[in-house]
Amino acid sequence: MKYNIPNLFLIGAPKAGTSALAEGLQQHSRIFMPYKKEPKYFDARTFYDFEEDYPIKSIDHYLNLYSTNQSSSILYRLDASVFNMYSLESIKDILLLSPKSKFILMLREPLSASKSMQKQRLKYTREGMRELSEDFCECWEYLKGRSNGTCYPKKCRNKFLFRYDLLYSYERYVPYIIDFVGRNNIFIGKYENFKKDPSTFYKRLFNFLSLDGNSSVKNKLVNKSYILKNCYMNRIITCSALATSDFRRKIGLSGQRVNFIKKNILRKNDIEKHLNTDCDAEVKAFFSRTYTYLSELEFDS
């Protein structure tokens, strides 16, 4: 069987506008994105602690996502798995499959990114995926134990998701990405610029991709951070949603069609009550090398 090979990779960073960007890119007539925005094939070893949890077991299964009639005549086929940036092996494997690929990397100021990721963990009611505290500073303190393999949620099978210190220390990862991919083949975007002026951002990105126009792209707020109450009702709803996700997708009951439930039925806590800034100075001090690296990095947006 002849497969259509993905050749555009949005490789990170999580909570840096990547979901909104992927949705925007999908609106372009020459970019195809499969129903699984993040297939988690190349970055499975980073996202999951156990191989048995990998959602895609073979390269054939992965490529089937892109081998549709719609994608055959499309210039770019997008994989938006945003944990690829954290593994050199992931980058190497991508280039082995698709040597002429283009890459997009979004970076966000580390303090706000860390806080957003911590709130992302509070959107889950499953014990292994939910953060231990709604207070960011408490979670930051847990990192001391997490570096030694402790202080994770019970039944956690995705430990890297709770390592805010590693997730946003960009200087650990970006240099080797640039070295292997080549600076001309990667667009490095600043989240703050994307949020402030998406039109100019898309114009520069489409120029990098040698694509025409951006007027048809409607930028949306996607994957917004919020704190979901860990109550019985929410656990029932979210567990049912997870168990029926494949069936709902087949009948078109997913994505924007279920936003009513998210907005009006799921019970949430007020984020403003949990915005602890007491540790901001400590977090910024920890990321001092990252801030220096970002100040010296050449951005494309």
C-alpha atoms as a PDB file:
ATOM      1  CA  MET A   1       0.000   0.000   0.000  1.00  0.00           C
ATOM      2  CA  LYS A   2       1.260   3.463  -0.877  1.00  0.00           C
ATOM      3  CA  TYR A   3       1.087   5.850   2.061  1.00  0.00           C
ATOM      4  CA  ASN A   4       0.895   9.621   2.210  1.00  0.00           C
ATOM      5  CA  ILE A   5       3.770  10.710   4.441  1.00  0.00           C
ATOM      6  CA  PRO A   6       3.293  13.534   6.978  1.00  0.00           C
ATOM      7  CA  ASN A   7       5.702  16.357   6.244  1.00  0.00           C
ATOM      8  CA  LEU A   8       4.754  19.168   8.630  1.00  0.00           C
ATOM      9  CA  PHE A   9       5.345  18.740  12.355  1.00  0.00           C
ATOM     10  CA  LEU A  10       4.163  21.063  15.109  1.00  0.00           C
ATOM     11  CA  ILE A  11       6.485  19.673  17.771  1.00  0.00           C
ATOM     12  CA  GLY A  12       5.830  21.856  20.837  1.00  0.00           C
ATOM     13  CA  ALA A  13       5.642  23.270  23.320  1.00  0.00           C
ATOM     14  CA  PRO A  14       2.485  22.235  25.210  1.00  0.00           C
ATOM     15  CA  LYS A  15       0.342  25.145  26.462  1.00  0.00           C
ATOM     16  CA  ALA A  16       2.027  27.515  24.014  1.00  0.00           C
ATOM     17  CA  GLY A  17      -0.906  28.043  21.661  1.00  0.00           C
ATOM     18  CA  THR A  18      -0.305  24.828  19.746  1.00  0.00           C
ATOM     19  CA  SER A  19      -3.927  23.634  19.753  1.00  0.00           C
ATOM     20  CA  ALA A  20      -5.175  26.951  18.393  1.00  0.00           C
ATOM     21  CA  LEU A  21      -2.379  27.009  15.829  1.00  0.00           C
ATOM     22  CA  ALA A  22      -3.131  23.469  14.656  1.00  0.00           C
ATOM     23  CA  GLU A  23      -6.799  24.383  14.209  1.00  0.00           C
ATOM     24  CA  GLY A  24      -5.786  27.461  12.255  1.00  0.00           C
ATOM     25  CA  LEU A  25      -3.395  25.562  10.003  1.00  0.00           C
ATOM     26  CA  GLN A  26      -6.085  22.990   9.295  1.00  0.00           C
ATOM     27  CA  GLN A  27      -8.258  25.731   7.813  1.00  0.00           C
ATOM     28  CA  HIS A  28      -5.786  26.261   4.972  1.00  0.00           C
ATOM     29  CA  SER A  29      -6.791  24.393   1.840  1.00  0.00           C
ATOM     30  CA  ARG A  30      -3.286  22.993   1.344  1.00  0.00           C
ATOM     31  CA  ILE A  31      -2.808  21.586   4.838  1.00  0.00           C
ATOM     32  CA  PHE A  32      -4.340  18.305   5.994  1.00  0.00           C
ATOM     33  CA  MET A  33      -4.634  17.300   9.639  1.00  0.00           C
ATOM     34  CA  PRO A  34      -6.128  13.914  10.615  1.00  0.00           C
ATOM     35  CA  TYR A  35      -8.876  13.554  13.202  1.00  0.00           C
ATOM     36  CA  LYS A  36      -6.142  12.720  15.709  1.00  0.00           C
ATOM     37  CA  LYS A  37      -4.447  16.093  15.965  1.00  0.00           C
ATOM     38  CA  GLU A  38      -1.759  14.541  18.145  1.00  0.00           C
ATOM     39  CA  PRO A  39      -1.210  10.938  17.038  1.00  0.00           C
ATOM     40  CA  LYS A  40       1.525  10.542  19.674  1.00  0.00           C
ATOM     41  CA  TYR A  41       3.477   8.088  17.575  1.00  0.00           C
ATOM     42  CA  PHE A  42       6.991   9.529  17.587  1.00  0.00           C
ATOM     43  CA  ASP A  43       6.675  11.104  21.040  1.00  0.00           C
ATOM     44  CA  ALA A  44       4.938   8.185  22.773  1.00  0.00           C
ATOM     45  CA  ARG A  45       8.106   7.294  24.693  1.00  0.00           C
ATOM     46  CA  THR A  46       8.048  10.780  26.227  1.00  0.00           C
ATOM     47  CA  PHE A  47       4.332  11.116  26.865  1.00  0.00           C
ATOM     48  CA  TYR A  48       3.776   7.627  28.277  1.00  0.00           C
ATOM     49  CA  ASP A  49       5.701   5.758  30.955  1.00  0.00           C
ATOM     50  CA  PHE A  50       4.672   2.333  29.672  1.00  0.00           C
ATOM     51  CA  GLU A  51       4.798   0.997  26.120  1.00  0.00           C
ATOM     52  CA  GLU A  52       1.488  -0.810  26.622  1.00  0.00           C
ATOM     53  CA  ASP A  53      -0.201   2.612  26.764  1.00  0.00           C
ATOM     54  CA  TYR A  54       1.067   3.744  23.357  1.00  0.00           C
ATOM     55  CA  PRO A  55      -2.052   4.580  21.282  1.00  0.00           C
ATOM     56  CA  ILE A  56      -0.468   3.670  17.936  1.00  0.00           C
ATOM     57  CA  LYS A  57       1.396   0.379  17.805  1.00  0.00           C
ATOM     58  CA  SER A  58       2.863   0.399  14.285  1.00  0.00           C
ATOM     59  CA  ILE A  59       4.071   2.689  11.530  1.00  0.00           C
ATOM     60  CA  ASP A  60       1.318   1.342   9.268  1.00  0.00           C
ATOM     61  CA  HIS A  61      -1.331   2.344  11.780  1.00  0.00           C
ATOM     62  CA  TYR A  62       0.224   5.803  12.003  1.00  0.00           C
ATOM     63  CA  LEU A  63       0.457   6.351   8.258  1.00  0.00           C
ATOM     64  CA  ASN A  64      -3.120   5.193   7.755  1.00  0.00           C
ATOM     65  CA  LEU A  65      -4.191   8.419   9.457  1.00  0.00           C
ATOM     66  CA  TYR A  66      -2.752  10.366   6.529  1.00  0.00           C
ATOM     67  CA  SER A  67      -3.580   8.029   3.674  1.00  0.00           C
ATOM     68  CA  THR A  68      -6.971   9.390   2.698  1.00  0.00           C
ATOM     69  CA  ASN A  69      -8.275  10.663  -0.618  1.00  0.00           C
ATOM     70  CA  GLN A  70      -8.413  14.153   0.853  1.00  0.00           C
ATOM     71  CA  SER A  71      -4.734  14.202   1.800  1.00  0.00           C
ATOM     72  CA  SER A  72      -3.398  12.747  -1.453  1.00  0.00           C
ATOM     73  CA  SER A  73      -3.328  16.048  -3.323  1.00  0.00           C
ATOM     74  CA  ILE A  74      -2.503  18.233  -0.311  1.00  0.00           C
ATOM     75  CA  LEU A  75       0.882  19.947  -0.035  1.00  0.00           C
ATOM     76  CA  TYR A  76       1.303  19.495   3.731  1.00  0.00           C
ATOM     77  CA  ARG A  77       0.153  16.747   6.083  1.00  0.00           C
ATOM     78  CA  LEU A  78       0.337  17.911   9.693  1.00  0.00           C
ATOM     79  CA  ASP A  79       1.281  15.996  12.824  1.00  0.00           C
ATOM     80  CA  ALA A  80       0.719  18.226  15.873  1.00  0.00           C
ATOM     81  CA  SER A  81       2.167  15.945  18.559  1.00  0.00           C
ATOM     82  CA  VAL A  82       3.738  18.526  20.846  1.00  0.00           C
ATOM     83  CA  PHE A  83       5.969  16.266  22.924  1.00  0.00           C
ATOM     84  CA  ASN A  84       8.263  15.498  19.994  1.00  0.00           C
ATOM     85  CA  MET A  85      10.482  18.416  20.980  1.00  0.00           C
ATOM     86  CA  TYR A  86      11.669  16.661  24.138  1.00  0.00           C
ATOM     87  CA  SER A  87      13.409  13.716  22.511  1.00  0.00           C
ATOM     88  CA  LEU A  88      16.291  13.700  20.073  1.00  0.00           C
ATOM     89  CA  GLU A  89      15.245  10.178  19.091  1.00  0.00           C
ATOM     90  CA  SER A  90      11.817  11.479  18.106  1.00  0.00           C
ATOM     91  CA  ILE A  91      13.372  14.108  15.845  1.00  0.00           C
ATOM     92  CA  LYS A  92      15.696  11.538  14.277  1.00  0.00           C
ATOM     93  CA  ASP A  93      12.823   9.119  13.645  1.00  0.00           C
ATOM     94  CA  ILE A  94      10.744  11.838  12.000  1.00  0.00           C
ATOM     95  CA  LEU A  95      13.598  12.735   9.672  1.00  0.00           C
ATOM     96  CA  LEU A  96      14.147   9.084   8.781  1.00  0.00           C
ATOM     97  CA  LEU A  97      10.535   8.843   7.665  1.00  0.00           C
ATOM     98  CA  SER A  98      10.248  12.287   6.122  1.00  0.00           C
ATOM     99  CA  PRO A  99      13.662  13.910   5.469  1.00  0.00           C
ATOM    100  CA  LYS A 100      12.236  17.028   3.809  1.00  0.00           C
ATOM    101  CA  SER A 101       9.782  17.851   6.577  1.00  0.00           C
ATOM    102  CA  LYS A 102       9.100  21.335   7.866  1.00  0.00           C
ATOM    103  CA  PHE A 103       8.860  21.948  11.607  1.00  0.00           C
ATOM    104  CA  ILE A 104       7.025  24.479  13.763  1.00  0.00           C
ATOM    105  CA  LEU A 105       8.031  25.184  17.355  1.00  0.00           C
ATOM    106  CA  MET A 106       6.027  27.454  19.664  1.00  0.00           C
ATOM    107  CA  LEU A 107       7.632  28.793  22.840  1.00  0.00           C
ATOM    108  CA  ARG A 108       5.950  30.561  25.750  1.00  0.00           C
ATOM    109  CA  GLU A 109       7.308  32.473  28.714  1.00  0.00           C
ATOM    110  CA  PRO A 110       8.168  29.706  31.239  1.00  0.00           C
ATOM    111  CA  LEU A 111       6.299  30.962  34.319  1.00  0.00           C
ATOM    112  CA  SER A 112       2.942  31.414  32.601  1.00  0.00           C
ATOM    113  CA  ALA A 113       3.456  28.197  30.630  1.00  0.00           C
ATOM    114  CA  SER A 114       4.121  26.236  33.826  1.00  0.00           C
ATOM    115  CA  LYS A 115       1.017  27.635  35.494  1.00  0.00           C
ATOM    116  CA  SER A 116      -1.098  26.875  32.448  1.00  0.00           C
ATOM    117  CA  MET A 117       0.194  23.303  32.308  1.00  0.00           C
ATOM    118  CA  GLN A 118      -0.564  22.822  35.999  1.00  0.00           C
ATOM    119  CA  LYS A 119      -4.154  23.934  35.366  1.00  0.00           C
ATOM    120  CA  GLN A 120      -4.291  21.576  32.393  1.00  0.00           C
ATOM    121  CA  ARG A 121      -3.652  18.739  34.815  1.00  0.00           C
ATOM    122  CA  LEU A 122      -6.652  19.943  36.828  1.00  0.00           C
ATOM    123  CA  LYS A 123      -8.989  19.476  33.862  1.00  0.00           C
ATOM    124  CA  TYR A 124      -8.806  15.743  34.557  1.00  0.00           C
ATOM    125  CA  THR A 125     -10.724  13.798  37.173  1.00  0.00           C
ATOM    126  CA  ARG A 126      -8.780  10.572  36.618  1.00  0.00           C
ATOM    127  CA  GLU A 127      -6.477  10.081  39.573  1.00  0.00           C
ATOM    128  CA  GLY A 128      -3.347   9.374  37.569  1.00  0.00           C
ATOM    129  CA  MET A 129      -3.713  12.447  35.338  1.00  0.00           C
ATOM    130  CA  ARG A 130      -4.852  15.015  37.922  1.00  0.00           C
ATOM    131  CA  GLU A 131      -2.439  17.248  39.806  1.00  0.00           C
ATOM    132  CA  LEU A 132      -2.205  16.744  43.564  1.00  0.00           C
ATOM    133  CA  SER A 133      -3.061  20.345  44.444  1.00  0.00           C
ATOM    134  CA  GLU A 134      -4.934  23.243  42.897  1.00  0.00           C
ATOM    135  CA  ASP A 135      -2.242  25.561  44.281  1.00  0.00           C
ATOM    136  CA  PHE A 136       0.566  26.092  41.774  1.00  0.00           C
ATOM    137  CA  CYS A 137       3.197  26.863  44.408  1.00  0.00           C
ATOM    138  CA  GLU A 138       2.488  23.592  46.201  1.00  0.00           C
ATOM    139  CA  CYS A 139       2.920  21.750  42.907  1.00  0.00           C
ATOM    140  CA  TRP A 140       6.183  23.561  42.266  1.00  0.00           C
ATOM    141  CA  GLU A 141       7.448  22.292  45.623  1.00  0.00           C
ATOM    142  CA  TYR A 142       6.538  18.741  44.587  1.00  0.00           C
ATOM    143  CA  LEU A 143       9.141  18.972  41.817  1.00  0.00           C
ATOM    144  CA  LYS A 144      11.891  18.376  44.367  1.00  0.00           C
ATOM    145  CA  GLY A 145      10.433  14.956  45.057  1.00  0.00           C
ATOM    146  CA  ARG A 146       9.481  14.296  41.466  1.00  0.00           C
ATOM    147  CA  SER A 147      13.096  14.616  40.397  1.00  0.00           C
ATOM    148  CA  ASN A 148      13.670  11.554  42.606  1.00  0.00           C
ATOM    149  CA  GLY A 149      10.593   9.664  41.411  1.00  0.00           C
ATOM    150  CA  THR A 150       8.204  10.599  44.222  1.00  0.00           C
ATOM    151  CA  CYS A 151       5.330  13.070  44.757  1.00  0.00           C
ATOM    152  CA  TYR A 152       3.405  12.047  41.660  1.00  0.00           C
ATOM    153  CA  PRO A 153      -0.340  11.351  41.646  1.00  0.00           C
ATOM    154  CA  LYS A 154      -1.326   7.793  42.470  1.00  0.00           C
ATOM    155  CA  LYS A 155      -1.545   5.555  39.406  1.00  0.00           C
ATOM    156  CA  CYS A 156       0.355   8.142  37.352  1.00  0.00           C
ATOM    157  CA  ARG A 157       1.514   6.708  34.032  1.00  0.00           C
ATOM    158  CA  ASN A 158       2.558  10.000  32.408  1.00  0.00           C
ATOM    159  CA  LYS A 159       5.136  11.432  34.778  1.00  0.00           C
ATOM    160  CA  PHE A 160       6.751  13.854  32.342  1.00  0.00           C
ATOM    161  CA  LEU A 161       3.499  15.829  32.127  1.00  0.00           C
ATOM    162  CA  PHE A 162       3.988  16.826  35.772  1.00  0.00           C
ATOM    163  CA  ARG A 163       7.606  17.996  35.354  1.00  0.00           C
ATOM    164  CA  TYR A 164       7.051  21.713  34.756  1.00  0.00           C
ATOM    165  CA  ASP A 165      10.741  22.303  35.420  1.00  0.00           C
ATOM    166  CA  LEU A 166      11.725  20.100  32.471  1.00  0.00           C
ATOM    167  CA  LEU A 167       8.867  21.010  30.146  1.00  0.00           C
ATOM    168  CA  TYR A 168       9.849  24.670  29.918  1.00  0.00           C
ATOM    169  CA  SER A 169      13.637  24.553  30.163  1.00  0.00           C
ATOM    170  CA  TYR A 170      13.821  25.155  26.431  1.00  0.00           C
ATOM    171  CA  GLU A 171      17.609  25.472  26.339  1.00  0.00           C
ATOM    172  CA  ARG A 172      17.764  21.711  26.936  1.00  0.00           C
ATOM    173  CA  TYR A 173      15.980  20.884  23.685  1.00  0.00           C
ATOM    174  CA  VAL A 174      15.896  23.674  21.106  1.00  0.00           C
ATOM    175  CA  PRO A 175      19.636  23.585  20.252  1.00  0.00           C
ATOM    176  CA  TYR A 176      19.603  19.927  19.214  1.00  0.00           C
ATOM    177  CA  ILE A 177      16.355  20.417  17.306  1.00  0.00           C
ATOM    178  CA  ILE A 178      17.932  23.215  15.284  1.00  0.00           C
ATOM    179  CA  ASP A 179      21.109  21.187  14.742  1.00  0.00           C
ATOM    180  CA  PHE A 180      19.311  18.142  13.353  1.00  0.00           C
ATOM    181  CA  VAL A 181      16.462  19.841  11.520  1.00  0.00           C
ATOM    182  CA  GLY A 182      18.386  22.822  10.169  1.00  0.00           C
ATOM    183  CA  ARG A 183      17.422  26.406  10.974  1.00  0.00           C
ATOM    184  CA  ASN A 184      15.902  26.946   7.528  1.00  0.00           C
ATOM    185  CA  ASN A 185      13.469  24.080   8.086  1.00  0.00           C
ATOM    186  CA  ILE A 186      12.007  25.213  11.385  1.00  0.00           C
ATOM    187  CA  PHE A 187       9.703  28.112  12.207  1.00  0.00           C
ATOM    188  CA  ILE A 188      10.165  29.260  15.793  1.00  0.00           C
ATOM    189  CA  GLY A 189       7.155  31.199  17.005  1.00  0.00           C
ATOM    190  CA  LYS A 190       6.616  33.218  20.157  1.00  0.00           C
ATOM    191  CA  TYR A 191       3.313  32.472  21.889  1.00  0.00           C
ATOM    192  CA  GLU A 192       2.920  36.041  23.091  1.00  0.00           C
ATOM    193  CA  ASN A 193       3.142  37.377  19.520  1.00  0.00           C
ATOM    194  CA  PHE A 194       0.695  34.758  18.256  1.00  0.00           C
ATOM    195  CA  LYS A 195      -1.805  35.755  20.930  1.00  0.00           C
ATOM    196  CA  LYS A 196      -1.348  39.495  20.348  1.00  0.00           C
ATOM    197  CA  ASP A 197      -1.400  39.558  16.537  1.00  0.00           C
ATOM    198  CA  PRO A 198      -2.434  36.219  14.982  1.00  0.00           C
ATOM    199  CA  SER A 199      -2.902  37.722  11.518  1.00  0.00           C
ATOM    200  CA  THR A 200       0.735  38.816  11.247  1.00  0.00           C
ATOM    201  CA  PHE A 201       1.839  35.545  12.794  1.00  0.00           C
ATOM    202  CA  TYR A 202       0.005  33.465  10.179  1.00  0.00           C
ATOM    203  CA  LYS A 203       1.313  35.683   7.398  1.00  0.00           C
ATOM    204  CA  ARG A 204       4.908  34.963   8.424  1.00  0.00           C
ATOM    205  CA  LEU A 205       4.230  31.278   8.991  1.00  0.00           C
ATOM    206  CA  PHE A 206       2.573  30.812   5.602  1.00  0.00           C
ATOM    207  CA  ASN A 207       5.470  32.651   4.001  1.00  0.00           C
ATOM    208  CA  PHE A 208       7.825  30.131   5.660  1.00  0.00           C
ATOM    209  CA  LEU A 209       5.686  27.317   4.232  1.00  0.00           C
ATOM    210  CA  SER A 210       5.503  28.980   0.796  1.00  0.00           C
ATOM    211  CA  LEU A 211       1.718  29.140   1.047  1.00  0.00           C
ATOM    212  CA  ASP A 212      -0.540  31.909  -0.179  1.00  0.00           C
ATOM    213  CA  GLY A 213      -2.941  33.894   1.958  1.00  0.00           C
ATOM    214  CA  ASN A 214      -4.130  33.839   5.538  1.00  0.00           C
ATOM    215  CA  SER A 215      -7.359  35.819   5.303  1.00  0.00           C
ATOM    216  CA  SER A 216      -9.520  32.726   5.612  1.00  0.00           C
ATOM    217  CA  VAL A 217      -7.967  31.592   8.903  1.00  0.00           C
ATOM    218  CA  LYS A 218     -10.126  32.286  11.926  1.00  0.00           C
ATOM    219  CA  ASN A 219      -8.074  32.097  15.083  1.00  0.00           C
ATOM    220  CA  LYS A 220      -9.911  30.473  17.996  1.00  0.00           C
ATOM    221  CA  LEU A 221      -9.256  29.951  21.680  1.00  0.00           C
ATOM    222  CA  VAL A 222      -8.696  26.196  21.953  1.00  0.00           C
ATOM    223  CA  ASN A 223      -7.903  23.963  24.940  1.00  0.00           C
ATOM    224  CA  LYS A 224      -8.515  26.724  27.483  1.00  0.00           C
ATOM    225  CA  SER A 225      -7.173  26.103  30.981  1.00  0.00           C
ATOM    226  CA  TYR A 226      -9.670  25.645  33.789  1.00  0.00           C
ATOM    227  CA  ILE A 227      -9.982  23.757  37.063  1.00  0.00           C
ATOM    228  CA  LEU A 228     -12.523  20.957  36.976  1.00  0.00           C
ATOM    229  CA  LYS A 229     -14.041  20.067  40.319  1.00  0.00           C
ATOM    230  CA  ASN A 230     -13.091  16.564  41.356  1.00  0.00           C
ATOM    231  CA  CYS A 231     -16.675  15.535  42.134  1.00  0.00           C
ATOM    232  CA  TYR A 232     -18.719  12.416  41.399  1.00  0.00           C
ATOM    233  CA  MET A 233     -20.762  14.012  38.607  1.00  0.00           C
ATOM    234  CA  ASN A 234     -17.685  15.225  36.753  1.00  0.00           C
ATOM    235  CA  ARG A 235     -15.991  11.847  37.107  1.00  0.00           C
ATOM    236  CA  ILE A 236     -19.003  10.078  35.593  1.00  0.00           C
ATOM    237  CA  ILE A 237     -19.230  12.519  32.670  1.00  0.00           C
ATOM    238  CA  THR A 238     -15.521  12.532  31.850  1.00  0.00           C
ATOM    239  CA  CYS A 239     -15.133   8.755  32.161  1.00  0.00           C
ATOM    240  CA  SER A 240     -18.139   8.246  29.884  1.00  0.00           C
ATOM    241  CA  ALA A 241     -16.738  10.732  27.374  1.00  0.00           C
ATOM    242  CA  LEU A 242     -13.404   8.916  27.303  1.00  0.00           C
ATOM    243  CA  ALA A 243     -15.003   5.490  26.906  1.00  0.00           C
ATOM    244  CA  THR A 244     -17.211   6.612  24.006  1.00  0.00           C
ATOM    245  CA  SER A 245     -14.760   8.911  22.206  1.00  0.00           C
ATOM    246  CA  ASP A 246     -14.201   6.683  19.162  1.00  0.00           C
ATOM    247  CA  PHE A 247     -17.927   6.024  18.694  1.00  0.00           C
ATOM    248  CA  ARG A 248     -18.835   9.703  19.108  1.00  0.00           C
ATOM    249  CA  ARG A 249     -16.245  10.719  16.558  1.00  0.00           C
ATOM    250  CA  LYS A 250     -17.717   8.310  13.994  1.00  0.00           C
ATOM    251  CA  ILE A 251     -21.183   9.846  14.379  1.00  0.00           C
ATOM    252  CA  GLY A 252     -19.862  13.412  14.463  1.00  0.00           C
ATOM    253  CA  LEU A 253     -20.476  14.051  18.163  1.00  0.00           C
ATOM    254  CA  SER A 254     -17.116  15.456  19.185  1.00  0.00           C
ATOM    255  CA  GLY A 255     -15.059  18.639  19.252  1.00  0.00           C
ATOM    256  CA  GLN A 256     -17.149  21.807  19.037  1.00  0.00           C
ATOM    257  CA  ARG A 257     -20.356  19.762  19.118  1.00  0.00           C
ATOM    258  CA  VAL A 258     -19.811  18.818  22.756  1.00  0.00           C
ATOM    259  CA  ASN A 259     -18.689  22.246  23.960  1.00  0.00           C
ATOM    260  CA  PHE A 260     -22.136  22.843  25.462  1.00  0.00           C
ATOM    261  CA  ILE A 261     -21.471  20.059  27.955  1.00  0.00           C
ATOM    262  CA  LYS A 262     -18.062  21.452  28.831  1.00  0.00           C
ATOM    263  CA  LYS A 263     -19.399  24.969  29.309  1.00  0.00           C
ATOM    264  CA  ASN A 264     -22.697  24.302  31.038  1.00  0.00           C
ATOM    265  CA  ILE A 265     -22.713  20.894  32.710  1.00  0.00           C
ATOM    266  CA  LEU A 266     -19.203  20.183  33.979  1.00  0.00           C
ATOM    267  CA  ARG A 267     -18.618  21.833  37.333  1.00  0.00           C
ATOM    268  CA  LYS A 268     -15.588  24.092  37.555  1.00  0.00           C
ATOM    269  CA  ASN A 269     -13.717  25.989  40.225  1.00  0.00           C
ATOM    270  CA  ASP A 270     -12.849  29.659  39.918  1.00  0.00           C
ATOM    271  CA  ILE A 271      -9.300  29.907  38.561  1.00  0.00           C
ATOM    272  CA  GLU A 272      -8.847  33.357  40.072  1.00  0.00           C
ATOM    273  CA  LYS A 273      -9.075  31.882  43.573  1.00  0.00           C
ATOM    274  CA  HIS A 274      -6.078  29.678  42.866  1.00  0.00           C
ATOM    275  CA  LEU A 275      -3.702  32.217  41.292  1.00  0.00           C
ATOM    276  CA  ASN A 276      -0.932  32.021  43.876  1.00  0.00           C
ATOM    277  CA  THR A 277       1.934  34.345  42.968  1.00  0.00           C
ATOM    278  CA  ASP A 278       4.016  33.762  46.106  1.00  0.00           C
ATOM    279  CA  CYS A 279       6.523  31.558  44.291  1.00  0.00           C
ATOM    280  CA  ASP A 280       6.794  33.584  41.074  1.00  0.00           C
ATOM    281  CA  ALA A 281      10.234  34.944  41.946  1.00  0.00           C
ATOM    282  CA  GLU A 282      11.499  31.453  42.801  1.00  0.00           C
ATOM    283  CA  VAL A 283      10.171  30.015  39.538  1.00  0.00           C
ATOM    284  CA  LYS A 284      11.679  32.821  37.489  1.00  0.00           C
ATOM    285  CA  ALA A 285      15.009  32.329  39.237  1.00  0.00           C
ATOM    286  CA  PHE A 286      14.915  28.631  38.389  1.00  0.00           C
ATOM    287  CA  PHE A 287      14.290  29.471  34.729  1.00  0.00           C
ATOM    288  CA  SER A 288      16.990  32.177  34.599  1.00  0.00           C
ATOM    289  CA  ARG A 289      18.997  30.272  31.981  1.00  0.00           C
ATOM    290  CA  THR A 290      15.843  29.745  29.958  1.00  0.00           C
ATOM    291  CA  TYR A 291      15.017  33.454  29.987  1.00  0.00           C
ATOM    292  CA  THR A 292      18.557  34.239  28.864  1.00  0.00           C
ATOM    293  CA  TYR A 293      18.321  31.661  26.096  1.00  0.00           C
ATOM    294  CA  LEU A 294      14.979  33.058  24.901  1.00  0.00           C
ATOM    295  CA  SER A 295      16.376  36.595  24.841  1.00  0.00           C
ATOM    296  CA  GLU A 296      19.156  35.429  22.518  1.00  0.00           C
ATOM    297  CA  LEU A 297      17.069  33.113  20.333  1.00  0.00           C
ATOM    298  CA  GLU A 298      16.097  34.257  16.851  1.00  0.00           C
ATOM    299  CA  PHE A 299      12.313  34.045  16.536  1.00  0.00           C
ATOM    300  CA  ASP A 300      10.441  33.996  13.237  1.00  0.00           C
ATOM    301  CA  SER A 301       7.413  35.783  14.652  1.00  0.00           C
END
